[in-house]
N, C-alpha and C. Protein backbone atom coordinates (compact mmCIF):
# COMPACT_ATOMS: atom_id res chain seq x y z
N UNK A 1 108.76 103.08 -22.45
CA UNK A 1 108.00 102.87 -23.65
C UNK A 1 108.66 101.87 -24.55
N UNK A 2 107.99 101.55 -25.61
CA UNK A 2 108.51 100.61 -26.59
C UNK A 2 108.74 101.34 -27.90
N UNK A 3 109.82 100.98 -28.59
CA UNK A 3 110.06 101.61 -29.89
C UNK A 3 108.85 101.40 -30.81
N UNK A 4 108.43 102.45 -31.47
CA UNK A 4 107.32 102.35 -32.41
C UNK A 4 105.94 102.33 -31.77
N UNK A 5 105.85 102.31 -30.45
CA UNK A 5 104.56 102.26 -29.77
C UNK A 5 104.29 103.64 -29.16
N UNK A 6 103.85 104.57 -29.97
CA UNK A 6 103.65 105.93 -29.51
C UNK A 6 102.25 106.18 -28.97
N UNK A 7 101.41 105.15 -28.96
CA UNK A 7 100.03 105.35 -28.55
C UNK A 7 99.81 105.19 -27.05
N UNK A 8 100.85 104.81 -26.32
CA UNK A 8 100.65 104.59 -24.89
C UNK A 8 101.75 105.27 -24.08
N UNK A 9 101.35 105.92 -23.02
CA UNK A 9 102.28 106.53 -22.08
C UNK A 9 101.93 106.01 -20.70
N UNK A 10 102.92 105.48 -20.02
CA UNK A 10 102.70 105.00 -18.66
C UNK A 10 103.54 105.86 -17.73
N UNK A 11 102.91 106.42 -16.71
CA UNK A 11 103.58 107.27 -15.75
C UNK A 11 103.41 106.66 -14.37
N UNK A 12 104.52 106.54 -13.67
CA UNK A 12 104.48 106.05 -12.29
C UNK A 12 104.90 107.22 -11.41
N UNK A 13 104.09 107.51 -10.41
CA UNK A 13 104.34 108.65 -9.55
C UNK A 13 104.32 108.17 -8.11
N UNK A 14 105.32 108.56 -7.35
CA UNK A 14 105.39 108.24 -5.93
C UNK A 14 105.32 109.54 -5.14
N UNK A 15 104.55 109.53 -4.09
CA UNK A 15 104.45 110.71 -3.24
C UNK A 15 104.55 110.26 -1.79
N UNK A 16 105.13 111.11 -0.96
CA UNK A 16 105.30 110.77 0.44
C UNK A 16 105.36 112.04 1.27
N UNK A 17 104.95 111.92 2.52
CA UNK A 17 105.07 113.04 3.45
C UNK A 17 106.48 113.11 4.04
N UNK A 18 107.24 112.02 3.90
CA UNK A 18 108.61 112.00 4.40
C UNK A 18 109.58 111.94 3.22
N UNK A 19 110.67 112.68 3.31
CA UNK A 19 111.63 112.69 2.19
C UNK A 19 112.45 111.40 2.14
N UNK A 20 112.95 111.11 0.98
CA UNK A 20 113.90 110.02 0.82
C UNK A 20 115.32 110.56 0.88
N UNK A 21 116.25 109.63 0.89
CA UNK A 21 117.67 110.00 0.91
C UNK A 21 118.33 109.47 -0.36
N UNK A 22 118.93 110.37 -1.13
CA UNK A 22 119.61 109.97 -2.37
C UNK A 22 120.90 109.24 -2.04
N UNK A 23 121.17 108.20 -2.80
CA UNK A 23 122.40 107.43 -2.63
C UNK A 23 123.18 107.41 -3.93
N UNK A 24 124.49 107.47 -3.80
CA UNK A 24 125.38 107.32 -4.94
C UNK A 24 126.01 105.94 -4.90
N UNK A 25 126.55 105.52 -6.03
CA UNK A 25 127.24 104.24 -6.13
C UNK A 25 128.74 104.54 -6.21
N UNK A 26 129.55 104.07 -5.26
CA UNK A 26 130.98 104.37 -5.31
C UNK A 26 131.69 103.77 -6.52
N UNK A 27 131.05 102.83 -7.20
CA UNK A 27 131.63 102.24 -8.41
C UNK A 27 131.41 103.12 -9.64
N UNK A 28 130.57 104.14 -9.49
CA UNK A 28 130.18 104.95 -10.64
C UNK A 28 130.33 106.44 -10.33
N UNK A 29 130.61 107.20 -11.36
CA UNK A 29 130.66 108.66 -11.23
C UNK A 29 129.25 109.17 -10.96
N UNK A 30 129.14 110.10 -10.04
CA UNK A 30 127.85 110.75 -9.79
C UNK A 30 127.39 111.39 -11.10
N UNK A 31 126.14 111.15 -11.52
CA UNK A 31 125.69 111.64 -12.83
C UNK A 31 125.95 113.13 -13.07
N UNK A 32 125.76 113.95 -12.07
CA UNK A 32 125.95 115.39 -12.27
C UNK A 32 127.41 115.76 -12.53
N UNK A 33 128.34 114.79 -12.39
CA UNK A 33 129.76 115.03 -12.65
C UNK A 33 130.25 114.32 -13.91
N UNK A 34 129.31 113.85 -14.73
CA UNK A 34 129.69 113.22 -16.00
C UNK A 34 130.46 114.21 -16.86
N UNK A 35 131.44 113.74 -17.61
CA UNK A 35 132.13 114.63 -18.54
C UNK A 35 131.21 115.04 -19.70
N UNK A 36 131.59 116.09 -20.40
CA UNK A 36 130.78 116.61 -21.51
C UNK A 36 130.66 115.63 -22.67
N UNK A 37 131.40 114.53 -22.65
CA UNK A 37 131.29 113.51 -23.71
C UNK A 37 129.86 113.02 -23.88
N UNK A 38 129.06 113.11 -22.82
CA UNK A 38 127.70 112.56 -22.83
C UNK A 38 126.64 113.62 -23.08
N UNK A 39 127.06 114.83 -23.35
CA UNK A 39 126.10 115.89 -23.64
C UNK A 39 126.52 117.20 -23.01
N UNK A 40 125.91 118.30 -23.43
CA UNK A 40 126.32 119.61 -22.94
C UNK A 40 125.96 119.84 -21.47
N UNK A 41 124.95 119.14 -21.00
CA UNK A 41 124.53 119.28 -19.61
C UNK A 41 124.50 117.90 -18.97
N UNK A 42 125.11 117.72 -17.81
CA UNK A 42 125.09 116.40 -17.20
C UNK A 42 123.68 116.01 -16.76
N UNK A 43 123.40 114.72 -16.75
CA UNK A 43 122.07 114.27 -16.31
C UNK A 43 121.89 114.55 -14.82
N UNK A 44 120.66 114.69 -14.41
CA UNK A 44 120.32 114.94 -13.00
C UNK A 44 119.41 113.82 -12.52
N UNK A 45 120.01 112.84 -11.87
CA UNK A 45 119.23 111.77 -11.26
C UNK A 45 120.05 111.16 -10.14
N UNK A 46 119.38 110.43 -9.31
CA UNK A 46 120.03 109.73 -8.21
C UNK A 46 120.12 108.26 -8.57
N UNK A 47 121.23 107.62 -8.24
CA UNK A 47 121.38 106.19 -8.50
C UNK A 47 120.34 105.39 -7.71
N UNK A 48 120.03 105.87 -6.51
CA UNK A 48 119.04 105.18 -5.68
C UNK A 48 118.46 106.16 -4.67
N UNK A 49 117.30 105.79 -4.15
CA UNK A 49 116.63 106.59 -3.12
C UNK A 49 116.23 105.64 -2.00
N UNK A 50 116.66 105.97 -0.79
CA UNK A 50 116.29 105.21 0.40
C UNK A 50 115.17 105.96 1.08
N UNK A 51 114.05 105.29 1.26
CA UNK A 51 112.87 105.92 1.87
C UNK A 51 112.44 105.10 3.08
N UNK A 52 112.19 105.79 4.18
CA UNK A 52 111.72 105.15 5.42
C UNK A 52 110.34 105.67 5.75
N UNK A 53 109.42 104.76 6.02
CA UNK A 53 108.07 105.13 6.41
C UNK A 53 107.72 104.47 7.73
N UNK A 54 106.54 104.78 8.24
CA UNK A 54 106.10 104.23 9.52
C UNK A 54 105.98 102.71 9.50
N UNK A 55 105.68 102.15 8.34
CA UNK A 55 105.48 100.69 8.23
C UNK A 55 106.61 99.99 7.48
N UNK A 56 107.76 100.60 7.42
CA UNK A 56 108.88 99.98 6.73
C UNK A 56 109.51 100.96 5.76
N UNK A 57 110.34 100.42 4.91
CA UNK A 57 111.03 101.29 3.98
C UNK A 57 111.21 100.64 2.63
N UNK A 58 111.72 101.43 1.71
CA UNK A 58 112.00 100.97 0.35
C UNK A 58 113.35 101.50 -0.08
N UNK A 59 114.03 100.71 -0.87
CA UNK A 59 115.19 101.17 -1.61
C UNK A 59 114.78 101.15 -3.07
N UNK A 60 114.74 102.32 -3.69
CA UNK A 60 114.34 102.47 -5.09
C UNK A 60 115.60 102.70 -5.91
N UNK A 61 115.96 101.74 -6.73
CA UNK A 61 117.19 101.80 -7.51
C UNK A 61 116.85 102.19 -8.95
N UNK A 62 117.44 103.29 -9.39
CA UNK A 62 117.21 103.79 -10.75
C UNK A 62 117.76 102.82 -11.77
N UNK A 63 117.36 103.03 -13.02
CA UNK A 63 117.87 102.20 -14.10
C UNK A 63 119.38 102.08 -14.02
N UNK A 64 119.86 100.86 -13.88
CA UNK A 64 121.28 100.58 -13.66
C UNK A 64 121.81 99.79 -14.84
N UNK A 65 122.91 100.27 -15.39
CA UNK A 65 123.49 99.63 -16.57
C UNK A 65 124.90 99.16 -16.26
N UNK A 66 125.54 98.60 -17.27
CA UNK A 66 126.89 98.08 -17.16
C UNK A 66 127.89 99.23 -17.30
N UNK A 67 127.98 100.03 -16.23
CA UNK A 67 128.88 101.19 -16.20
C UNK A 67 129.79 101.07 -14.99
N UNK A 68 131.04 101.42 -15.18
CA UNK A 68 131.99 101.59 -14.08
C UNK A 68 132.63 102.95 -14.31
N UNK A 69 132.70 103.75 -13.24
CA UNK A 69 133.08 105.14 -13.43
C UNK A 69 131.97 105.81 -14.21
N UNK A 70 132.30 106.32 -15.39
CA UNK A 70 131.26 106.83 -16.29
C UNK A 70 131.25 106.06 -17.61
N UNK A 71 132.11 105.04 -17.71
CA UNK A 71 132.30 104.34 -18.98
C UNK A 71 131.46 103.07 -19.07
N UNK A 72 130.90 102.84 -20.24
CA UNK A 72 130.18 101.59 -20.52
C UNK A 72 131.17 100.44 -20.49
N UNK A 73 130.71 99.29 -20.02
CA UNK A 73 131.54 98.09 -19.94
C UNK A 73 130.90 96.97 -20.74
N UNK A 74 131.74 96.11 -21.33
CA UNK A 74 131.29 94.85 -21.96
C UNK A 74 130.31 95.09 -23.11
N UNK A 75 130.66 95.98 -24.03
CA UNK A 75 129.73 96.39 -25.09
C UNK A 75 129.13 95.23 -25.89
N UNK A 76 129.86 94.18 -26.15
CA UNK A 76 129.35 93.09 -26.98
C UNK A 76 129.12 91.80 -26.20
N UNK A 77 128.99 91.90 -24.89
CA UNK A 77 128.93 90.71 -24.05
C UNK A 77 127.74 90.81 -23.08
N UNK A 78 126.61 90.28 -23.50
CA UNK A 78 125.39 90.38 -22.70
C UNK A 78 125.54 89.75 -21.31
N UNK A 79 126.08 88.52 -21.17
CA UNK A 79 126.24 87.96 -19.83
C UNK A 79 127.10 88.84 -18.92
N UNK A 80 128.18 89.40 -19.47
CA UNK A 80 129.04 90.27 -18.67
C UNK A 80 128.32 91.56 -18.28
N UNK A 81 127.47 92.08 -19.16
CA UNK A 81 126.70 93.28 -18.82
C UNK A 81 125.76 93.01 -17.64
N UNK A 82 125.05 91.90 -17.68
CA UNK A 82 124.12 91.58 -16.59
C UNK A 82 124.90 91.37 -15.29
N UNK A 83 126.05 90.71 -15.36
CA UNK A 83 126.87 90.51 -14.16
C UNK A 83 127.37 91.85 -13.60
N UNK A 84 127.76 92.77 -14.47
CA UNK A 84 128.21 94.10 -14.03
C UNK A 84 127.07 94.86 -13.38
N UNK A 85 125.89 94.75 -13.94
CA UNK A 85 124.71 95.38 -13.34
C UNK A 85 124.46 94.81 -11.95
N UNK A 86 124.59 93.51 -11.80
CA UNK A 86 124.40 92.89 -10.48
C UNK A 86 125.40 93.49 -9.48
N UNK A 87 126.66 93.65 -9.89
CA UNK A 87 127.66 94.25 -9.00
C UNK A 87 127.27 95.69 -8.63
N UNK A 88 126.74 96.44 -9.59
CA UNK A 88 126.33 97.82 -9.30
C UNK A 88 125.14 97.85 -8.34
N UNK A 89 124.19 96.97 -8.52
CA UNK A 89 123.05 96.92 -7.60
C UNK A 89 123.51 96.47 -6.21
N UNK A 90 124.39 95.47 -6.16
CA UNK A 90 124.94 95.03 -4.87
C UNK A 90 125.62 96.18 -4.14
N UNK A 91 126.35 97.01 -4.87
CA UNK A 91 127.03 98.15 -4.28
C UNK A 91 126.03 99.14 -3.67
N UNK A 92 124.91 99.35 -4.35
CA UNK A 92 123.87 100.23 -3.80
C UNK A 92 123.21 99.63 -2.57
N UNK A 93 123.07 98.30 -2.53
CA UNK A 93 122.54 97.65 -1.32
C UNK A 93 123.49 97.88 -0.14
N UNK A 94 124.79 97.81 -0.39
CA UNK A 94 125.77 98.08 0.67
C UNK A 94 125.66 99.52 1.14
N UNK A 95 125.55 100.46 0.22
CA UNK A 95 125.41 101.88 0.59
C UNK A 95 124.17 102.09 1.46
N UNK A 96 123.05 101.50 1.06
CA UNK A 96 121.82 101.64 1.83
C UNK A 96 121.97 100.99 3.20
N UNK A 97 122.64 99.86 3.26
CA UNK A 97 122.88 99.19 4.54
C UNK A 97 123.74 100.03 5.46
N UNK A 98 124.75 100.69 4.90
CA UNK A 98 125.60 101.57 5.72
C UNK A 98 124.78 102.71 6.32
N UNK A 99 123.87 103.27 5.54
CA UNK A 99 123.02 104.36 6.03
C UNK A 99 122.10 103.85 7.13
N UNK A 100 121.53 102.67 6.94
CA UNK A 100 120.57 102.12 7.92
C UNK A 100 121.25 101.45 9.10
N UNK A 101 122.53 101.15 8.99
CA UNK A 101 123.25 100.50 10.07
C UNK A 101 123.01 99.00 10.14
N UNK A 102 122.58 98.41 9.04
CA UNK A 102 122.40 96.96 8.99
C UNK A 102 122.45 96.49 7.54
N UNK A 103 122.70 95.22 7.37
CA UNK A 103 122.81 94.65 6.04
C UNK A 103 121.45 94.66 5.34
N UNK A 104 121.47 95.04 4.08
CA UNK A 104 120.27 94.99 3.25
C UNK A 104 120.57 94.05 2.09
N UNK A 105 119.65 93.14 1.84
CA UNK A 105 119.85 92.20 0.75
C UNK A 105 118.58 92.01 -0.06
N UNK A 106 118.71 91.15 -1.05
CA UNK A 106 117.57 90.78 -1.87
C UNK A 106 116.62 89.91 -1.05
N UNK A 107 115.37 89.88 -1.41
CA UNK A 107 114.41 89.04 -0.72
C UNK A 107 113.12 88.97 -1.51
N UNK A 108 112.11 88.33 -0.93
CA UNK A 108 110.85 88.17 -1.65
C UNK A 108 110.15 89.50 -1.95
N UNK A 109 110.55 90.56 -1.28
CA UNK A 109 109.98 91.88 -1.56
C UNK A 109 110.76 92.66 -2.60
N UNK A 110 111.69 92.00 -3.28
CA UNK A 110 112.49 92.67 -4.31
C UNK A 110 111.88 92.43 -5.68
N UNK A 111 111.72 93.51 -6.43
CA UNK A 111 111.18 93.43 -7.79
C UNK A 111 112.17 94.11 -8.73
N UNK A 112 112.51 93.41 -9.81
CA UNK A 112 113.37 93.97 -10.85
C UNK A 112 112.53 94.28 -12.08
N UNK A 113 112.80 95.41 -12.70
CA UNK A 113 112.26 95.71 -14.03
C UNK A 113 113.46 95.73 -14.97
N UNK A 114 113.47 94.79 -15.89
CA UNK A 114 114.62 94.58 -16.76
C UNK A 114 114.25 95.01 -18.18
N UNK A 115 114.97 95.99 -18.69
CA UNK A 115 114.72 96.52 -20.03
C UNK A 115 115.77 95.95 -20.98
N UNK A 116 115.30 95.32 -22.05
CA UNK A 116 116.17 94.67 -23.03
C UNK A 116 115.99 95.37 -24.37
N UNK A 117 117.09 95.81 -24.95
CA UNK A 117 117.02 96.53 -26.22
C UNK A 117 116.49 95.67 -27.35
N UNK A 118 116.97 94.43 -27.45
CA UNK A 118 116.63 93.53 -28.56
C UNK A 118 115.68 92.45 -28.06
N UNK A 119 114.44 92.48 -28.51
CA UNK A 119 113.44 91.52 -28.02
C UNK A 119 113.84 90.07 -28.29
N UNK A 120 114.68 89.83 -29.27
CA UNK A 120 115.12 88.47 -29.56
C UNK A 120 116.04 87.92 -28.48
N UNK A 121 116.52 88.76 -27.58
CA UNK A 121 117.43 88.32 -26.52
C UNK A 121 116.75 88.26 -25.16
N UNK A 122 115.44 88.43 -25.13
CA UNK A 122 114.73 88.45 -23.84
C UNK A 122 114.83 87.12 -23.10
N UNK A 123 114.75 86.00 -23.80
CA UNK A 123 114.87 84.69 -23.15
C UNK A 123 116.25 84.53 -22.54
N UNK A 124 117.27 84.94 -23.26
CA UNK A 124 118.64 84.87 -22.74
C UNK A 124 118.79 85.74 -21.49
N UNK A 125 118.22 86.93 -21.53
CA UNK A 125 118.29 87.82 -20.36
C UNK A 125 117.56 87.19 -19.18
N UNK A 126 116.39 86.60 -19.42
CA UNK A 126 115.65 85.93 -18.34
C UNK A 126 116.52 84.85 -17.70
N UNK A 127 117.21 84.05 -18.50
CA UNK A 127 118.08 83.00 -17.97
C UNK A 127 119.23 83.60 -17.15
N UNK A 128 119.81 84.68 -17.62
CA UNK A 128 120.90 85.33 -16.88
C UNK A 128 120.41 85.89 -15.55
N UNK A 129 119.25 86.53 -15.56
CA UNK A 129 118.68 87.07 -14.32
C UNK A 129 118.40 85.92 -13.35
N UNK A 130 117.84 84.83 -13.86
CA UNK A 130 117.57 83.66 -13.01
C UNK A 130 118.85 83.10 -12.40
N UNK A 131 119.95 83.13 -13.14
CA UNK A 131 121.23 82.61 -12.65
C UNK A 131 121.89 83.55 -11.65
N UNK A 132 121.79 84.85 -11.88
CA UNK A 132 122.58 85.82 -11.12
C UNK A 132 121.87 86.43 -9.92
N UNK A 133 120.55 86.35 -9.87
CA UNK A 133 119.81 86.93 -8.76
C UNK A 133 119.13 85.81 -7.97
N UNK A 134 118.88 86.01 -6.68
CA UNK A 134 118.22 84.98 -5.88
C UNK A 134 116.86 84.59 -6.44
N UNK A 135 116.47 83.35 -6.17
CA UNK A 135 115.23 82.80 -6.73
C UNK A 135 113.98 83.53 -6.23
N UNK A 136 114.04 84.14 -5.03
CA UNK A 136 112.84 84.79 -4.50
C UNK A 136 112.67 86.23 -5.00
N UNK A 137 113.53 86.67 -5.90
CA UNK A 137 113.41 88.00 -6.50
C UNK A 137 112.49 87.90 -7.71
N UNK A 138 111.51 88.80 -7.79
CA UNK A 138 110.62 88.84 -8.96
C UNK A 138 111.24 89.71 -10.03
N UNK A 139 111.12 89.28 -11.28
CA UNK A 139 111.68 90.06 -12.38
C UNK A 139 110.68 90.16 -13.52
N UNK A 140 110.49 91.36 -13.99
CA UNK A 140 109.67 91.62 -15.17
C UNK A 140 110.64 91.98 -16.29
N UNK A 141 110.69 91.13 -17.32
CA UNK A 141 111.59 91.33 -18.45
C UNK A 141 110.78 91.93 -19.59
N UNK A 142 111.25 93.04 -20.16
CA UNK A 142 110.49 93.68 -21.23
C UNK A 142 111.42 94.35 -22.23
N UNK A 143 110.93 94.49 -23.44
CA UNK A 143 111.67 95.25 -24.44
C UNK A 143 111.56 96.72 -24.09
N UNK A 144 112.67 97.42 -24.18
CA UNK A 144 112.63 98.84 -23.87
C UNK A 144 113.92 99.53 -24.24
N UNK A 145 113.89 100.83 -24.16
CA UNK A 145 115.07 101.63 -24.43
C UNK A 145 116.09 101.43 -23.32
N UNK A 146 117.35 101.53 -23.67
CA UNK A 146 118.45 101.42 -22.73
C UNK A 146 119.25 102.72 -22.82
N UNK A 147 119.91 103.10 -21.75
CA UNK A 147 120.51 104.42 -21.63
C UNK A 147 121.57 104.77 -22.67
N UNK A 148 122.28 103.78 -23.19
CA UNK A 148 123.34 104.05 -24.16
C UNK A 148 123.25 103.06 -25.31
N UNK A 149 123.60 103.49 -26.51
CA UNK A 149 123.44 102.61 -27.68
C UNK A 149 124.30 101.36 -27.65
N UNK A 150 125.44 101.40 -26.98
CA UNK A 150 126.33 100.24 -26.93
C UNK A 150 125.93 99.21 -25.87
N UNK A 151 124.94 99.54 -25.06
CA UNK A 151 124.50 98.62 -24.01
C UNK A 151 123.21 97.93 -24.40
N UNK A 152 123.02 96.72 -23.88
CA UNK A 152 121.90 95.87 -24.29
C UNK A 152 120.82 95.72 -23.23
N UNK A 153 121.14 96.07 -21.98
CA UNK A 153 120.20 95.81 -20.89
C UNK A 153 120.37 96.85 -19.79
N UNK A 154 119.28 97.12 -19.09
CA UNK A 154 119.28 98.05 -17.96
C UNK A 154 118.27 97.51 -16.95
N UNK A 155 118.58 97.63 -15.66
CA UNK A 155 117.70 97.06 -14.63
C UNK A 155 117.39 98.11 -13.57
N UNK A 156 116.11 98.25 -13.24
CA UNK A 156 115.65 99.03 -12.08
C UNK A 156 115.28 98.02 -11.00
N UNK A 157 115.34 98.45 -9.74
CA UNK A 157 114.97 97.55 -8.65
C UNK A 157 114.21 98.30 -7.57
N UNK A 158 113.29 97.59 -6.95
CA UNK A 158 112.60 98.06 -5.75
C UNK A 158 112.83 96.99 -4.70
N UNK A 159 113.43 97.39 -3.58
CA UNK A 159 113.75 96.45 -2.50
C UNK A 159 112.96 96.87 -1.27
N UNK A 160 112.10 95.98 -0.78
CA UNK A 160 111.37 96.26 0.45
C UNK A 160 112.29 96.01 1.63
N UNK A 161 112.29 96.94 2.58
CA UNK A 161 113.18 96.84 3.74
C UNK A 161 112.43 96.37 4.97
């Protein structure tokens, strides 16, 4: 959603007859093991989900921020945050590749949803995404909430396998 825009709710729902496989990022603490610094109950989500179907598969990457371990990185440095996010997404691609037994990379079937806290920085974020991700990756840049107040950007990804 957008700050101040309470009149619209968008829900995306995925359903399948076959289960997906949850993936963790070795660069980050598993969310359910976060220390109490982030709240009385740890969050429950998967960093990514690998799904295989009869006609191919998908790697669904949850909102990924500039985190290493459980700590936010580069609080005042937008370019460094986007670069750290790229490293985190790359790490999840490696994890998915290890599960599938082959390399998984970005391609024309990759879509990024990029959430930017400050709408005045959207052009800068677009330029950073264009520099740091392959040209055949589609990216939707939008103003949106980000997981932590000290961070400026968060990226979700869908990778067609």
